[in-house]
């Protein structure tokens, strides 16, 4: 038995989507769900701070480039490849 802990969001439709790790595929599993509402003061797992970024990092750095405008050269035509089987 393996225990996996994750934080997820239940949408307005009441649906909870759980995505399993790629090593758990094509097999029968028993799943136990424990519902524990998060307190408003707890940061959500999808915030930059919860992911290890310093508070305010993106606010200070986003749009901070002051050099020549960044440009992306033309990428050429899209290569059409054969179907995967």
C-alpha atoms as a PDB file:
ATOM      1  CA  UNK A   1       0.000   0.000   0.000  1.00  0.00           C
ATOM      2  CA  UNK A   2       1.214   3.468  -0.851  1.00  0.00           C
ATOM      3  CA  UNK A   3      -0.031   6.749   0.595  1.00  0.00           C
ATOM      4  CA  UNK A   4      -0.214   9.805  -1.677  1.00  0.00           C
ATOM      5  CA  UNK A   5      -1.108  13.175  -0.208  1.00  0.00           C
ATOM      6  CA  UNK A   6      -2.260  15.999  -2.452  1.00  0.00           C
ATOM      7  CA  UNK A   7      -4.249  19.198  -2.364  1.00  0.00           C
ATOM      8  CA  UNK A   8      -6.996  19.700  -4.903  1.00  0.00           C
ATOM      9  CA  UNK A   9      -9.963  21.939  -5.670  1.00  0.00           C
ATOM     10  CA  UNK A  10     -13.622  20.975  -5.857  1.00  0.00           C
ATOM     11  CA  UNK A  11     -15.267  23.022  -8.607  1.00  0.00           C
ATOM     12  CA  UNK A  12     -18.654  24.735  -8.430  1.00  0.00           C
ATOM     13  CA  UNK A  13     -20.097  21.641 -10.064  1.00  0.00           C
ATOM     14  CA  UNK A  14     -18.995  19.550  -7.065  1.00  0.00           C
ATOM     15  CA  UNK A  15     -16.547  17.500  -9.103  1.00  0.00           C
ATOM     16  CA  UNK A  16     -13.155  16.608  -7.648  1.00  0.00           C
ATOM     17  CA  UNK A  17     -10.599  15.589 -10.265  1.00  0.00           C
ATOM     18  CA  UNK A  18      -7.682  13.454  -9.133  1.00  0.00           C
ATOM     19  CA  UNK A  19      -4.747  12.802 -11.439  1.00  0.00           C
ATOM     20  CA  UNK A  20      -2.646   9.794 -10.498  1.00  0.00           C
ATOM     21  CA  UNK A  21       1.130   9.492 -10.929  1.00  0.00           C
ATOM     22  CA  UNK A  22       2.179   7.929 -14.229  1.00  0.00           C
ATOM     23  CA  UNK A  23       3.482   4.780 -12.542  1.00  0.00           C
ATOM     24  CA  UNK A  24      -0.053   3.894 -11.405  1.00  0.00           C
ATOM     25  CA  UNK A  25      -1.754   2.985 -14.678  1.00  0.00           C
ATOM     26  CA  UNK A  26      -3.851   0.148 -16.057  1.00  0.00           C
ATOM     27  CA  UNK A  27      -4.539  -1.466 -12.682  1.00  0.00           C
ATOM     28  CA  UNK A  28      -7.294  -1.787 -10.103  1.00  0.00           C
ATOM     29  CA  UNK A  29      -6.783   0.330  -6.976  1.00  0.00           C
ATOM     30  CA  UNK A  30      -8.750   1.054  -3.816  1.00  0.00           C
ATOM     31  CA  UNK A  31      -8.987   4.786  -3.135  1.00  0.00           C
ATOM     32  CA  UNK A  32      -9.736   6.357   0.257  1.00  0.00           C
ATOM     33  CA  UNK A  33     -10.750  10.021   0.239  1.00  0.00           C
ATOM     34  CA  UNK A  34     -10.497  12.134   3.395  1.00  0.00           C
ATOM     35  CA  UNK A  35     -12.103  15.553   2.979  1.00  0.00           C
ATOM     36  CA  UNK A  36     -10.540  18.262   5.112  1.00  0.00           C
ATOM     37  CA  UNK A  37     -11.568  21.832   4.225  1.00  0.00           C
ATOM     38  CA  UNK A  38      -8.652  24.284   4.101  1.00  0.00           C
ATOM     39  CA  UNK A  39      -8.620  27.300   6.357  1.00  0.00           C
ATOM     40  CA  UNK A  40      -8.672  30.616   4.488  1.00  0.00           C
ATOM     41  CA  UNK A  41      -5.346  31.605   6.107  1.00  0.00           C
ATOM     42  CA  UNK A  42      -3.539  28.594   4.609  1.00  0.00           C
ATOM     43  CA  UNK A  43      -1.889  29.323   1.250  1.00  0.00           C
ATOM     44  CA  UNK A  44      -3.274  27.253  -1.605  1.00  0.00           C
ATOM     45  CA  UNK A  45      -0.835  24.793  -3.178  1.00  0.00           C
ATOM     46  CA  UNK A  46      -0.976  26.680  -6.463  1.00  0.00           C
ATOM     47  CA  UNK A  47       0.354  29.975  -5.087  1.00  0.00           C
ATOM     48  CA  UNK A  48       3.939  30.963  -5.894  1.00  0.00           C
ATOM     49  CA  UNK A  49       4.780  31.051  -2.172  1.00  0.00           C
ATOM     50  CA  UNK A  50       3.527  27.490  -1.695  1.00  0.00           C
ATOM     51  CA  UNK A  51       5.765  26.427  -4.584  1.00  0.00           C
ATOM     52  CA  UNK A  52       8.885  27.933  -2.998  1.00  0.00           C
ATOM     53  CA  UNK A  53       9.044  31.380  -4.637  1.00  0.00           C
ATOM     54  CA  UNK A  54       9.775  34.417  -2.484  1.00  0.00           C
ATOM     55  CA  UNK A  55       6.723  36.589  -1.733  1.00  0.00           C
ATOM     56  CA  UNK A  56       6.405  39.361  -4.334  1.00  0.00           C
ATOM     57  CA  UNK A  57       8.991  37.830  -6.713  1.00  0.00           C
ATOM     58  CA  UNK A  58       6.781  37.939  -9.793  1.00  0.00           C
ATOM     59  CA  UNK A  59       5.382  41.378  -8.994  1.00  0.00           C
ATOM     60  CA  UNK A  60       8.953  42.740  -8.816  1.00  0.00           C
ATOM     61  CA  UNK A  61      10.337  40.944 -11.870  1.00  0.00           C
ATOM     62  CA  UNK A  62       7.461  40.623 -14.369  1.00  0.00           C
ATOM     63  CA  UNK A  63       7.899  43.343 -16.982  1.00  0.00           C
ATOM     64  CA  UNK A  64      11.186  44.520 -15.453  1.00  0.00           C
ATOM     65  CA  UNK A  65      13.290  44.019 -18.624  1.00  0.00           C
ATOM     66  CA  UNK A  66      14.661  47.409 -19.702  1.00  0.00           C
ATOM     67  CA  UNK A  67      16.936  46.401 -22.582  1.00  0.00           C
ATOM     68  CA  UNK A  68      16.119  46.127 -26.275  1.00  0.00           C
ATOM     69  CA  UNK A  69      12.656  44.693 -26.959  1.00  0.00           C
ATOM     70  CA  UNK A  70      12.703  40.915 -27.146  1.00  0.00           C
ATOM     71  CA  UNK A  71      11.661  39.564 -30.529  1.00  0.00           C
ATOM     72  CA  UNK A  72      11.071  36.052 -31.755  1.00  0.00           C
ATOM     73  CA  UNK A  73      12.308  35.316 -35.263  1.00  0.00           C
ATOM     74  CA  UNK A  74       9.996  33.551 -37.737  1.00  0.00           C
ATOM     75  CA  UNK A  75       9.716  29.847 -36.947  1.00  0.00           C
ATOM     76  CA  UNK A  76       9.243  28.636 -40.518  1.00  0.00           C
ATOM     77  CA  UNK A  77       6.624  26.176 -41.722  1.00  0.00           C
ATOM     78  CA  UNK A  78       5.275  23.494 -39.428  1.00  0.00           C
ATOM     79  CA  UNK A  79       6.676  20.067 -40.237  1.00  0.00           C
ATOM     80  CA  UNK A  80       3.914  17.560 -40.970  1.00  0.00           C
ATOM     81  CA  UNK A  81       4.840  14.218 -39.466  1.00  0.00           C
ATOM     82  CA  UNK A  82       3.471  10.735 -39.931  1.00  0.00           C
ATOM     83  CA  UNK A  83       0.905   9.286 -37.533  1.00  0.00           C
ATOM     84  CA  UNK A  84       2.064   7.464 -34.419  1.00  0.00           C
ATOM     85  CA  UNK A  85       0.917   3.883 -34.074  1.00  0.00           C
END
